[in-house]
Amino acid sequence: MRALIHQDEADIEESWSFPGKLEDVFKVIQGWDPICKAIVEKTPEVVDWKLVYRDPLPRWVSDHGRIALLGDSAHPFLPTSAQGATQAMEDGVVLAVCLKRGGKANIPNAVRAYQEIRYDRVKAVQKTGETTRDMWHKADWDKVAKDPESIQMPREDWVFKFDAEKNAEETFDEVVKQLS
């Protein structure tokens, strides 16, 4: 699979398989090295797959606290976040801590605590993908040629050095109190 990510103002229905057009790809790569066009010409099928930003769902937990969403089902990430899988793993770690701390008698509160502990962090990390996408789409390529690091993906410590397990352990009791 080859992918070409580019800024696009076209409005089409969301789909995983909306047919694309080679002519549209040629417009995007106009002025690039001719080998790029030669590669694209060999593409048997083009899919116009829109990358659409989505806020996290307002609720990840069922009414009775028996079902919880994790990962992209609760909070989808743009590829420019480079965080989708990591945040899903953080969800799993936090949910495990909450279930352990809550015990069998308090599963609904433990599941609700998981969402409370994760929600604001996930929303903030999601925004990093939007910021990176915008930086890449609005890049001044003449400046980038002189300073390639100017479009380097940010690696903020608050994202990459976060200990989800420690945070859940430290905040669980207070979050459960607030839920009661």
C-alpha atoms as a PDB file:
ATOM      1  CA  MET A   1       0.000   0.000   0.000  1.00  0.00           C
ATOM      2  CA  ARG A   2       1.223   3.470  -0.860  1.00  0.00           C
ATOM      3  CA  ALA A   3      -0.170   6.549   0.810  1.00  0.00           C
ATOM      4  CA  LEU A   4      -0.015  10.215  -0.090  1.00  0.00           C
ATOM      5  CA  ILE A   5      -1.100  12.556   2.652  1.00  0.00           C
ATOM      6  CA  HIS A   6      -1.891  16.072   1.530  1.00  0.00           C
ATOM      7  CA  GLN A   7      -4.071  19.009   2.412  1.00  0.00           C
ATOM      8  CA  ASP A   8      -7.488  18.636   0.868  1.00  0.00           C
ATOM      9  CA  GLU A   9     -10.453  20.966   0.930  1.00  0.00           C
ATOM     10  CA  ALA A  10     -12.763  18.621  -1.005  1.00  0.00           C
ATOM     11  CA  ASP A  11     -15.818  17.476   0.873  1.00  0.00           C
ATOM     12  CA  ILE A  12     -16.855  13.889   0.262  1.00  0.00           C
ATOM     13  CA  GLU A  13     -18.695  11.367   2.363  1.00  0.00           C
ATOM     14  CA  GLU A  14     -16.511   9.595   4.877  1.00  0.00           C
ATOM     15  CA  SER A  15     -15.527   6.184   3.646  1.00  0.00           C
ATOM     16  CA  TRP A  16     -12.713   3.653   3.897  1.00  0.00           C
ATOM     17  CA  SER A  17     -13.075   2.881   0.199  1.00  0.00           C
ATOM     18  CA  PHE A  18     -14.261   6.009  -1.644  1.00  0.00           C
ATOM     19  CA  PRO A  19     -12.784   5.747  -5.152  1.00  0.00           C
ATOM     20  CA  GLY A  20     -10.092   8.272  -5.956  1.00  0.00           C
ATOM     21  CA  LYS A  21      -8.806   9.524  -9.306  1.00  0.00           C
ATOM     22  CA  LEU A  22      -5.256   9.313 -10.622  1.00  0.00           C
ATOM     23  CA  GLU A  23      -5.693  12.799 -12.130  1.00  0.00           C
ATOM     24  CA  ASP A  24      -6.164  14.206  -8.623  1.00  0.00           C
ATOM     25  CA  VAL A  25      -2.958  12.534  -7.451  1.00  0.00           C
ATOM     26  CA  PHE A  26      -1.073  13.904 -10.464  1.00  0.00           C
ATOM     27  CA  LYS A  27      -2.181  17.435  -9.484  1.00  0.00           C
ATOM     28  CA  VAL A  28      -0.791  16.982  -5.974  1.00  0.00           C
ATOM     29  CA  ILE A  29       2.586  15.691  -7.181  1.00  0.00           C
ATOM     30  CA  GLN A  30       2.944  18.174 -10.034  1.00  0.00           C
ATOM     31  CA  GLY A  31       6.516  19.481 -10.089  1.00  0.00           C
ATOM     32  CA  TRP A  32       7.902  16.488  -8.171  1.00  0.00           C
ATOM     33  CA  ASP A  33      10.589  14.160  -9.461  1.00  0.00           C
ATOM     34  CA  PRO A  34       9.224  12.342 -12.564  1.00  0.00           C
ATOM     35  CA  ILE A  35       9.819   8.988 -10.883  1.00  0.00           C
ATOM     36  CA  CYS A  36       6.951   9.824  -8.511  1.00  0.00           C
ATOM     37  CA  LYS A  37       4.541  10.073 -11.416  1.00  0.00           C
ATOM     38  CA  ALA A  38       5.900   6.813 -12.856  1.00  0.00           C
ATOM     39  CA  ILE A  39       5.217   5.068  -9.548  1.00  0.00           C
ATOM     40  CA  VAL A  40       1.695   6.497  -9.280  1.00  0.00           C
ATOM     41  CA  GLU A  41       0.920   5.478 -12.877  1.00  0.00           C
ATOM     42  CA  LYS A  42       1.486   1.846 -11.818  1.00  0.00           C
ATOM     43  CA  THR A  43      -1.103   2.137  -9.044  1.00  0.00           C
ATOM     44  CA  PRO A  44      -4.017  -0.160  -9.897  1.00  0.00           C
ATOM     45  CA  GLU A  45      -6.540   1.545  -7.620  1.00  0.00           C
ATOM     46  CA  VAL A  46      -6.725   4.875  -5.815  1.00  0.00           C
ATOM     47  CA  VAL A  47      -8.757   5.295  -2.653  1.00  0.00           C
ATOM     48  CA  ASP A  48      -9.652   8.790  -1.450  1.00  0.00           C
ATOM     49  CA  TRP A  49      -9.436   8.144   2.269  1.00  0.00           C
ATOM     50  CA  LYS A  50     -10.068  11.255   4.312  1.00  0.00           C
ATOM     51  CA  LEU A  51      -8.239  11.715   7.581  1.00  0.00           C
ATOM     52  CA  VAL A  52     -10.777  13.451   9.772  1.00  0.00           C
ATOM     53  CA  TYR A  53     -10.157  14.824  13.244  1.00  0.00           C
ATOM     54  CA  ARG A  54     -12.607  13.616  15.876  1.00  0.00           C
ATOM     55  CA  ASP A  55     -12.922  14.752  19.472  1.00  0.00           C
ATOM     56  CA  PRO A  56     -13.046  11.894  21.965  1.00  0.00           C
ATOM     57  CA  LEU A  57     -16.535  10.573  22.519  1.00  0.00           C
ATOM     58  CA  PRO A  58     -18.123  12.404  25.460  1.00  0.00           C
ATOM     59  CA  ARG A  59     -18.651   9.074  27.239  1.00  0.00           C
ATOM     60  CA  TRP A  60     -16.640   5.860  27.066  1.00  0.00           C
ATOM     61  CA  VAL A  61     -18.532   3.983  29.773  1.00  0.00           C
ATOM     62  CA  SER A  62     -22.007   2.431  29.672  1.00  0.00           C
ATOM     63  CA  ASP A  63     -24.745   3.626  32.046  1.00  0.00           C
ATOM     64  CA  HIS A  64     -24.181   0.777  34.496  1.00  0.00           C
ATOM     65  CA  GLY A  65     -20.390   0.889  34.276  1.00  0.00           C
ATOM     66  CA  ARG A  66     -20.094  -2.576  32.771  1.00  0.00           C
ATOM     67  CA  ILE A  67     -18.742  -1.678  29.338  1.00  0.00           C
ATOM     68  CA  ALA A  68     -15.828   0.626  28.560  1.00  0.00           C
ATOM     69  CA  LEU A  69     -14.393   1.734  25.241  1.00  0.00           C
ATOM     70  CA  LEU A  70     -10.633   1.947  24.786  1.00  0.00           C
ATOM     71  CA  GLY A  71      -8.332   3.228  22.071  1.00  0.00           C
ATOM     72  CA  ASP A  72      -9.680   4.496  18.776  1.00  0.00           C
ATOM     73  CA  SER A  73     -13.212   3.380  19.593  1.00  0.00           C
ATOM     74  CA  ALA A  74     -13.245   6.065  22.301  1.00  0.00           C
ATOM     75  CA  HIS A  75     -10.766   8.594  20.937  1.00  0.00           C
ATOM     76  CA  PRO A  76      -9.491   8.223  17.347  1.00  0.00           C
ATOM     77  CA  PHE A  77      -6.099   9.719  16.542  1.00  0.00           C
ATOM     78  CA  LEU A  78      -4.789  11.236  13.333  1.00  0.00           C
ATOM     79  CA  PRO A  79      -1.671   9.461  12.012  1.00  0.00           C
ATOM     80  CA  THR A  80       0.214  12.737  12.560  1.00  0.00           C
ATOM     81  CA  SER A  81      -0.181  12.163  16.301  1.00  0.00           C
ATOM     82  CA  ALA A  82       1.856   8.972  16.171  1.00  0.00           C
ATOM     83  CA  GLN A  83       0.021   8.141  19.396  1.00  0.00           C
ATOM     84  CA  GLY A  84      -2.999   5.954  18.587  1.00  0.00           C
ATOM     85  CA  ALA A  85      -1.517   2.653  19.725  1.00  0.00           C
ATOM     86  CA  THR A  86       0.316   4.227  22.653  1.00  0.00           C
ATOM     87  CA  GLN A  87      -2.819   5.883  23.969  1.00  0.00           C
ATOM     88  CA  ALA A  88      -4.753   2.618  23.616  1.00  0.00           C
ATOM     89  CA  MET A  89      -2.058   0.915  25.718  1.00  0.00           C
ATOM     90  CA  GLU A  90      -2.261   3.692  28.298  1.00  0.00           C
ATOM     91  CA  ASP A  91      -6.038   3.112  28.386  1.00  0.00           C
ATOM     92  CA  GLY A  92      -5.483  -0.566  29.087  1.00  0.00           C
ATOM     93  CA  VAL A  93      -2.965   0.121  31.843  1.00  0.00           C
ATOM     94  CA  VAL A  94      -5.206   2.683  33.528  1.00  0.00           C
ATOM     95  CA  LEU A  95      -8.272   0.453  33.270  1.00  0.00           C
ATOM     96  CA  ALA A  96      -6.309  -2.430  34.799  1.00  0.00           C
ATOM     97  CA  VAL A  97      -5.129  -0.250  37.701  1.00  0.00           C
ATOM     98  CA  CYS A  98      -8.666   1.027  38.282  1.00  0.00           C
ATOM     99  CA  LEU A  99     -10.194  -2.464  38.249  1.00  0.00           C
ATOM    100  CA  LYS A 100      -7.511  -3.745  40.614  1.00  0.00           C
ATOM    101  CA  ARG A 101      -7.892  -0.803  42.983  1.00  0.00           C
ATOM    102  CA  GLY A 102     -11.690  -0.860  42.830  1.00  0.00           C
ATOM    103  CA  GLY A 103     -12.043  -4.585  43.391  1.00  0.00           C
ATOM    104  CA  LYS A 104     -14.879  -6.853  42.275  1.00  0.00           C
ATOM    105  CA  ALA A 105     -17.427  -5.059  44.423  1.00  0.00           C
ATOM    106  CA  ASN A 106     -16.784  -1.674  42.782  1.00  0.00           C
ATOM    107  CA  ILE A 107     -16.343  -2.413  39.081  1.00  0.00           C
ATOM    108  CA  PRO A 108     -18.755   0.303  37.868  1.00  0.00           C
ATOM    109  CA  ASN A 109     -16.955   3.027  39.833  1.00  0.00           C
ATOM    110  CA  ALA A 110     -13.570   1.679  38.766  1.00  0.00           C
ATOM    111  CA  VAL A 111     -14.597   1.808  35.110  1.00  0.00           C
ATOM    112  CA  ARG A 112     -15.915   5.358  35.503  1.00  0.00           C
ATOM    113  CA  ALA A 113     -12.666   6.342  37.234  1.00  0.00           C
ATOM    114  CA  TYR A 114     -10.739   5.034  34.217  1.00  0.00           C
ATOM    115  CA  GLN A 115     -12.560   7.499  31.944  1.00  0.00           C
ATOM    116  CA  GLU A 116     -12.096  10.394  34.367  1.00  0.00           C
ATOM    117  CA  ILE A 117      -8.376   9.721  34.712  1.00  0.00           C
ATOM    118  CA  ARG A 118      -7.808   9.412  30.956  1.00  0.00           C
ATOM    119  CA  TYR A 119     -10.154  11.907  29.289  1.00  0.00           C
ATOM    120  CA  ASP A 120      -8.320  15.239  29.563  1.00  0.00           C
ATOM    121  CA  ARG A 121      -4.922  13.725  28.766  1.00  0.00           C
ATOM    122  CA  VAL A 122      -6.256  11.940  25.685  1.00  0.00           C
ATOM    123  CA  LYS A 123      -7.917  15.105  24.405  1.00  0.00           C
ATOM    124  CA  ALA A 124      -4.676  17.066  24.849  1.00  0.00           C
ATOM    125  CA  VAL A 125      -2.562  14.392  23.142  1.00  0.00           C
ATOM    126  CA  GLN A 126      -5.045  14.266  20.244  1.00  0.00           C
ATOM    127  CA  LYS A 127      -4.446  17.972  19.651  1.00  0.00           C
ATOM    128  CA  THR A 128      -0.735  17.299  19.071  1.00  0.00           C
ATOM    129  CA  GLY A 129      -1.660  15.416  15.900  1.00  0.00           C
ATOM    130  CA  GLU A 130      -3.739  18.303  14.681  1.00  0.00           C
ATOM    131  CA  THR A 131      -0.896  20.739  15.387  1.00  0.00           C
ATOM    132  CA  THR A 132       1.650  18.533  13.597  1.00  0.00           C
ATOM    133  CA  ARG A 133      -0.669  18.076  10.613  1.00  0.00           C
ATOM    134  CA  ASP A 134      -1.138  21.843  10.338  1.00  0.00           C
ATOM    135  CA  MET A 135       2.619  22.444  10.611  1.00  0.00           C
ATOM    136  CA  TRP A 136       3.277  20.021   7.750  1.00  0.00           C
ATOM    137  CA  HIS A 137       0.472  21.317   5.559  1.00  0.00           C
ATOM    138  CA  LYS A 138       1.515  24.957   5.997  1.00  0.00           C
ATOM    139  CA  ALA A 139       5.256  24.365   5.673  1.00  0.00           C
ATOM    140  CA  ASP A 140       7.348  26.822   3.706  1.00  0.00           C
ATOM    141  CA  TRP A 141       9.312  24.257   1.715  1.00  0.00           C
ATOM    142  CA  ASP A 142      12.092  26.707   0.809  1.00  0.00           C
ATOM    143  CA  LYS A 143      12.732  27.201   4.544  1.00  0.00           C
ATOM    144  CA  VAL A 144      12.463  23.454   5.139  1.00  0.00           C
ATOM    145  CA  ALA A 145      15.160  22.842   2.492  1.00  0.00           C
ATOM    146  CA  LYS A 146      17.492  25.062   4.551  1.00  0.00           C
ATOM    147  CA  ASP A 147      16.376  23.675   7.934  1.00  0.00           C
ATOM    148  CA  PRO A 148      14.793  20.202   7.669  1.00  0.00           C
ATOM    149  CA  GLU A 149      14.378  20.024  11.446  1.00  0.00           C
ATOM    150  CA  SER A 150      11.813  22.834  11.243  1.00  0.00           C
ATOM    151  CA  ILE A 151       9.122  20.270  10.366  1.00  0.00           C
ATOM    152  CA  GLN A 152      10.348  17.523  12.663  1.00  0.00           C
ATOM    153  CA  MET A 153       7.585  15.815  14.611  1.00  0.00           C
ATOM    154  CA  PRO A 154       7.482  17.324  18.105  1.00  0.00           C
ATOM    155  CA  ARG A 155       8.484  15.000  20.935  1.00  0.00           C
ATOM    156  CA  GLU A 156       7.125  16.670  24.041  1.00  0.00           C
ATOM    157  CA  ASP A 157       8.141  15.102  27.354  1.00  0.00           C
ATOM    158  CA  TRP A 158       4.608  15.411  28.756  1.00  0.00           C
ATOM    159  CA  VAL A 159       3.490  13.007  26.004  1.00  0.00           C
ATOM    160  CA  PHE A 160       6.434  10.650  25.710  1.00  0.00           C
ATOM    161  CA  LYS A 161       7.644  10.404  29.309  1.00  0.00           C
ATOM    162  CA  PHE A 162       4.245   9.984  30.958  1.00  0.00           C
ATOM    163  CA  ASP A 163       3.773   7.069  33.349  1.00  0.00           C
ATOM    164  CA  ALA A 164       0.101   6.114  33.009  1.00  0.00           C
ATOM    165  CA  GLU A 165       0.277   3.413  35.664  1.00  0.00           C
ATOM    166  CA  LYS A 166       1.849   5.714  38.260  1.00  0.00           C
ATOM    167  CA  ASN A 167      -0.634   8.470  37.453  1.00  0.00           C
ATOM    168  CA  ALA A 168      -3.588   6.096  37.841  1.00  0.00           C
ATOM    169  CA  GLU A 169      -2.262   4.786  41.145  1.00  0.00           C
ATOM    170  CA  GLU A 170      -1.753   8.324  42.447  1.00  0.00           C
ATOM    171  CA  THR A 171      -5.115   9.744  41.326  1.00  0.00           C
ATOM    172  CA  PHE A 172      -7.516   6.802  41.693  1.00  0.00           C
ATOM    173  CA  ASP A 173      -8.709   7.439  45.269  1.00  0.00           C
ATOM    174  CA  GLU A 174      -9.401  11.137  44.669  1.00  0.00           C
ATOM    175  CA  VAL A 175     -11.229  10.454  41.401  1.00  0.00           C
ATOM    176  CA  VAL A 176     -13.422   7.794  43.017  1.00  0.00           C
ATOM    177  CA  LYS A 177     -14.277  10.239  45.847  1.00  0.00           C
ATOM    178  CA  GLN A 178     -15.359  12.825  43.286  1.00  0.00           C
ATOM    179  CA  LEU A 179     -17.538  10.252  41.524  1.00  0.00           C
ATOM    180  CA  SER A 180     -19.405   9.373  44.715  1.00  0.00           C
END
